Amino acid sequence: MKSVAWLPALLLTACYGAAPPKPPVIPLPPPQDGAEILVHSETKTTYENVSKQATNCPQGVSEGDPSCTVTRYNVTEPVTRTNSAASYGDQPINYAQFKVMTDPHYQEKVDAVADLGHKCQRANTPRYIGLAMLATGLIVGPIISAEGGGGVGTAVTYGGLLGGGVAYGAGYFAFGGRDCNEARAIYNSIDYTAAMSWNTVEGADVATEMAALAGQFNATHARATAAASEDVQPAPPPTRTARRLKMRR
């Protein structure tokens, strides 16, 4: 069995699954001329019960040793929390809408998930074949050997493991299996389904990030509005010649 010892490493490095679904559609508020995204953050300090623990160890024994005694207790102490909410124009928006609106590459990521997911579908067949052969080698082969078919059982075990590893690896390296992993990673980064119910979010770091993203959004849209207004120039007044021609008519 030493010749198949590389199979666990192959399965770990070339592990892949089915293509992710299409990212959920996040309903966005209609665009408003001159509207900005505003982030409203509020920091409060309140007294709360906080769980703590104390560890006592015998002399010469480090923390974590079974001989140490762990005591858990509650203490009331001040806790500072920062909560943030966002609005677009005069309308509040949830965190999912905020993330989509402030990500200039969101649609590119959605398209990438669809494109990579389509490519990775080719890997389904070798993946299923590989898993079936691996299961045959790990389950059926030992059963045959246990019932007295030693040579046949060994052949089934080796054949299933080797063939399954080759098929599974081919799905990853040659048929788009790695595209499945990339598609899943992008999908996870833009799956804001849970955030659609988050009207406020907690955390000082989150508040800082939201303020920065809102600032970038507002600056980008301000430049776009200014550029659009410069493109629309008023028509020049008619020349004297043009006025004379009109009077002659």
Protein backbone atom coordinates (compact mmCIF):
# COMPACT_ATOMS: atom_id res chain seq x y z
CA MET A 1 0.00 0.00 0.00
CA LYS A 2 3.01 2.28 0.15
CA SER A 3 2.60 3.08 -3.54
CA VAL A 4 -0.71 4.81 -2.82
CA ALA A 5 0.49 6.80 0.19
CA TRP A 6 0.41 9.93 -1.95
CA LEU A 7 -3.39 9.75 -2.27
CA PRO A 8 -4.24 11.67 0.95
CA ALA A 9 -1.92 14.49 -0.10
CA LEU A 10 -3.49 14.55 -3.56
CA LEU A 11 -7.02 14.71 -2.17
CA LEU A 12 -6.07 17.53 0.21
CA THR A 13 -4.27 19.66 -2.37
CA ALA A 14 -6.70 18.92 -5.22
CA CYS A 15 -9.91 18.95 -3.21
CA TYR A 16 -12.77 20.59 -5.11
CA GLY A 17 -16.53 20.53 -5.18
CA ALA A 18 -19.43 21.46 -7.41
CA ALA A 19 -19.83 24.91 -8.92
CA PRO A 20 -21.33 27.52 -6.57
CA PRO A 21 -24.83 28.84 -7.28
CA LYS A 22 -25.48 32.21 -8.84
CA PRO A 23 -24.85 34.99 -6.29
CA PRO A 24 -28.11 36.26 -4.77
CA VAL A 25 -29.49 39.49 -6.20
CA ILE A 26 -29.27 42.37 -3.72
CA PRO A 27 -32.07 44.89 -4.39
CA LEU A 28 -30.56 48.37 -4.51
CA PRO A 29 -32.24 51.76 -4.09
CA PRO A 30 -32.75 53.71 -7.33
CA PRO A 31 -29.86 56.08 -8.15
CA GLN A 32 -30.34 59.72 -7.17
CA ASP A 33 -28.51 62.66 -8.73
CA GLY A 34 -26.09 64.11 -6.24
CA ALA A 35 -27.01 61.62 -3.50
CA GLU A 36 -24.28 60.44 -1.17
CA ILE A 37 -23.78 57.47 1.13
CA LEU A 38 -23.55 58.61 4.73
CA VAL A 39 -22.32 56.43 7.58
CA HIS A 40 -23.70 57.11 11.03
CA SER A 41 -21.62 55.61 13.85
CA GLU A 42 -22.36 55.78 17.56
CA THR A 43 -20.09 54.63 20.37
CA LYS A 44 -21.51 53.81 23.79
CA THR A 45 -20.00 52.45 26.97
CA THR A 46 -22.23 50.35 29.22
CA TYR A 47 -21.63 48.07 32.19
CA GLU A 48 -22.08 44.40 31.36
CA ASN A 49 -21.42 41.01 32.92
CA VAL A 50 -18.24 39.65 31.35
CA SER A 51 -17.17 35.99 31.70
CA LYS A 52 -13.58 35.50 32.84
CA GLN A 53 -11.42 32.67 34.12
CA ALA A 54 -8.44 32.27 36.43
CA THR A 55 -5.93 29.42 36.29
CA ASN A 56 -3.97 28.16 39.30
CA CYS A 57 -1.15 25.69 38.70
CA PRO A 58 1.18 23.89 41.09
CA GLN A 59 4.69 25.25 41.30
CA GLY A 60 6.75 24.29 38.29
CA VAL A 61 3.72 23.39 36.17
CA SER A 62 2.79 25.49 33.14
CA GLU A 63 -0.74 26.57 32.30
CA GLY A 64 -2.68 23.93 30.40
CA ASP A 65 -1.44 21.01 32.44
CA PRO A 66 -4.26 18.73 33.77
CA SER A 67 -3.13 19.45 37.32
CA CYS A 68 -4.06 23.12 36.95
CA THR A 69 -7.33 24.37 38.37
CA VAL A 70 -9.51 26.65 36.20
CA THR A 71 -12.01 28.93 37.93
CA ARG A 72 -14.66 30.68 35.87
CA TYR A 73 -16.52 33.73 37.13
CA ASN A 74 -18.45 36.81 36.00
CA VAL A 75 -17.50 40.40 36.64
CA THR A 76 -19.29 43.63 35.83
CA GLU A 77 -17.12 46.05 33.92
CA PRO A 78 -17.49 48.80 31.28
CA VAL A 79 -17.79 47.61 27.69
CA THR A 80 -17.50 50.00 24.75
CA ARG A 81 -19.35 49.16 21.54
CA THR A 82 -19.57 51.02 18.24
CA ASN A 83 -22.65 50.56 16.05
CA SER A 84 -22.89 51.89 12.52
CA ALA A 85 -25.69 52.38 10.02
CA ALA A 86 -25.69 53.75 6.47
CA SER A 87 -28.05 55.77 4.32
CA TYR A 88 -28.16 56.72 0.65
CA GLY A 89 -29.73 60.09 0.05
CA ASP A 90 -32.69 60.17 2.40
CA GLN A 91 -33.15 56.39 2.51
CA PRO A 92 -31.54 53.96 5.00
CA ILE A 93 -29.73 51.01 3.42
CA ASN A 94 -28.75 47.67 4.96
CA TYR A 95 -25.19 46.37 5.13
CA ALA A 96 -25.59 44.15 2.06
CA GLN A 97 -26.71 47.10 -0.05
CA PHE A 98 -23.85 49.17 1.33
CA LYS A 99 -21.26 46.52 0.39
CA VAL A 100 -22.59 46.14 -3.14
CA MET A 101 -22.89 49.86 -3.80
CA THR A 102 -19.39 50.64 -2.53
CA ASP A 103 -17.70 47.82 -4.48
CA PRO A 104 -16.88 49.10 -7.98
CA HIS A 105 -15.92 45.57 -9.07
CA TYR A 106 -19.00 43.78 -7.73
CA GLN A 107 -20.51 43.00 -11.14
CA GLU A 108 -17.13 41.76 -12.40
CA LYS A 109 -17.01 39.32 -9.49
CA VAL A 110 -20.56 38.12 -10.24
CA ASP A 111 -19.58 37.53 -13.88
CA ALA A 112 -16.41 35.72 -12.78
CA VAL A 113 -18.43 33.33 -10.60
CA ALA A 114 -20.68 32.49 -13.54
CA ASP A 115 -17.76 32.05 -15.97
CA LEU A 116 -15.60 29.95 -13.64
CA GLY A 117 -18.63 27.94 -12.52
CA HIS A 118 -19.41 27.06 -16.13
CA LYS A 119 -15.83 25.92 -16.71
CA CYS A 120 -15.72 23.85 -13.54
CA GLN A 121 -18.81 21.85 -14.50
CA ARG A 122 -16.55 19.83 -16.80
CA ALA A 123 -14.83 18.45 -13.70
CA ASN A 124 -18.00 16.86 -12.32
CA THR A 125 -17.67 13.63 -14.33
CA PRO A 126 -14.05 12.78 -13.42
CA ARG A 127 -14.73 13.88 -9.84
CA TYR A 128 -17.68 11.50 -9.46
CA ILE A 129 -15.78 8.68 -11.17
CA GLY A 130 -12.76 9.26 -8.94
CA LEU A 131 -14.81 9.29 -5.74
CA ALA A 132 -16.66 6.12 -6.79
CA MET A 133 -13.42 4.30 -7.56
CA LEU A 134 -11.84 5.45 -4.31
CA ALA A 135 -14.86 4.19 -2.39
CA THR A 136 -14.58 0.86 -4.22
CA GLY A 137 -10.93 0.55 -3.29
CA LEU A 138 -11.46 1.50 0.35
CA ILE A 139 -14.65 -0.49 0.99
CA VAL A 140 -15.20 -3.24 -1.57
CA GLY A 141 -11.56 -4.35 -1.79
CA PRO A 142 -11.16 -5.06 1.95
CA ILE A 143 -14.53 -6.87 2.00
CA ILE A 144 -13.44 -9.19 -0.80
CA SER A 145 -10.14 -9.83 0.96
CA ALA A 146 -11.90 -10.59 4.24
CA GLU A 147 -14.10 -13.18 2.50
CA GLY A 148 -11.12 -15.12 1.23
CA GLY A 149 -10.48 -13.47 -2.10
CA GLY A 150 -7.11 -12.13 -1.08
CA GLY A 151 -5.59 -11.58 -4.54
CA VAL A 152 -8.79 -10.20 -6.03
CA GLY A 153 -9.43 -7.99 -3.03
CA THR A 154 -5.91 -6.58 -3.18
CA ALA A 155 -6.29 -5.89 -6.90
CA VAL A 156 -9.62 -4.14 -6.35
CA THR A 157 -8.16 -2.07 -3.51
CA TYR A 158 -5.09 -0.97 -5.48
CA GLY A 159 -7.04 -0.45 -8.69
CA GLY A 160 -9.73 1.58 -7.00
CA LEU A 161 -7.30 3.80 -5.12
CA LEU A 162 -4.95 4.36 -8.03
CA GLY A 163 -7.68 4.79 -10.64
CA GLY A 164 -9.74 6.98 -8.38
CA GLY A 165 -6.78 9.18 -7.55
CA VAL A 166 -5.92 9.59 -11.24
CA ALA A 167 -9.51 10.41 -12.22
CA TYR A 168 -10.00 12.81 -9.32
CA GLY A 169 -6.66 14.51 -9.97
CA ALA A 170 -7.42 14.81 -13.68
CA GLY A 171 -10.68 16.55 -12.81
CA TYR A 172 -8.78 19.12 -10.78
CA PHE A 173 -5.76 19.73 -13.02
CA ALA A 174 -7.17 19.14 -16.52
CA PHE A 175 -10.95 19.60 -16.41
CA GLY A 176 -11.43 22.77 -14.39
CA GLY A 177 -11.59 21.55 -10.81
CA ARG A 178 -9.40 24.41 -9.64
CA ASP A 179 -11.89 26.79 -11.26
CA CYS A 180 -14.51 25.40 -8.87
CA ASN A 181 -12.40 26.45 -5.89
CA GLU A 182 -11.76 29.91 -7.31
CA ALA A 183 -15.45 30.37 -8.12
CA ARG A 184 -16.42 29.28 -4.61
CA ALA A 185 -13.92 31.68 -3.03
CA ILE A 186 -15.28 34.64 -5.04
CA TYR A 187 -18.86 33.58 -4.32
CA ASN A 188 -18.18 33.48 -0.57
CA SER A 189 -16.67 36.97 -0.70
CA ILE A 190 -19.81 38.48 -2.28
CA ASP A 191 -22.52 36.37 -0.64
CA TYR A 192 -24.31 39.05 1.38
CA THR A 193 -27.50 37.06 1.99
CA ALA A 194 -27.20 37.24 5.77
CA ALA A 195 -26.21 40.92 5.66
CA MET A 196 -29.52 41.87 4.02
CA SER A 197 -31.07 41.91 7.50
CA TRP A 198 -28.25 43.91 9.10
CA ASN A 199 -29.52 47.46 9.48
CA THR A 200 -26.65 48.16 11.90
CA VAL A 201 -23.25 46.53 12.30
CA GLU A 202 -20.98 46.49 15.33
CA GLY A 203 -17.27 47.19 15.63
CA ALA A 204 -14.90 50.14 15.62
CA ASP A 205 -12.90 48.65 12.73
CA VAL A 206 -16.09 48.12 10.72
CA ALA A 207 -17.08 51.76 11.32
CA THR A 208 -13.70 52.94 10.03
CA GLU A 209 -13.93 50.72 6.96
CA MET A 210 -17.47 51.87 6.18
CA ALA A 211 -16.48 55.53 6.42
CA ALA A 212 -13.59 54.96 4.00
CA LEU A 213 -15.75 53.04 1.50
CA ALA A 214 -18.49 55.68 1.65
CA GLY A 215 -15.89 58.41 1.05
CA GLN A 216 -14.57 56.61 -2.03
CA PHE A 217 -18.10 56.09 -3.37
CA ASN A 218 -19.04 59.75 -2.89
CA ALA A 219 -15.81 61.03 -4.46
CA THR A 220 -16.16 58.73 -7.47
CA HIS A 221 -19.78 59.69 -8.11
CA ALA A 222 -19.03 63.39 -7.61
CA ARG A 223 -16.35 63.22 -10.31
CA ALA A 224 -18.71 61.31 -12.62
CA THR A 225 -21.44 63.92 -12.12
CA ALA A 226 -19.00 66.76 -12.77
CA ALA A 227 -17.70 65.09 -15.93
CA ALA A 228 -21.23 64.50 -17.20
CA SER A 229 -22.16 68.16 -16.65
CA GLU A 230 -19.06 69.31 -18.52
CA ASP A 231 -20.01 67.14 -21.50
CA VAL A 232 -23.35 68.94 -21.81
CA GLN A 233 -22.35 72.41 -23.03
CA PRO A 234 -24.97 75.09 -23.83
CA ALA A 235 -25.40 75.87 -27.52
CA PRO A 236 -23.52 79.03 -28.60
CA PRO A 237 -25.64 82.07 -29.50
CA PRO A 238 -26.35 82.50 -33.24
CA THR A 239 -23.91 84.69 -35.20
CA ARG A 240 -24.92 87.96 -36.77
CA THR A 241 -24.98 86.31 -40.18
CA ALA A 242 -27.33 83.65 -38.93
CA ARG A 243 -29.62 86.29 -37.43
CA ARG A 244 -29.71 88.22 -40.72
CA LEU A 245 -30.65 85.06 -42.60
CA LYS A 246 -33.49 84.45 -40.21
CA MET A 247 -34.73 88.04 -40.64
CA ARG A 248 -34.62 87.74 -44.45
CA ARG A 249 -36.75 84.62 -44.28
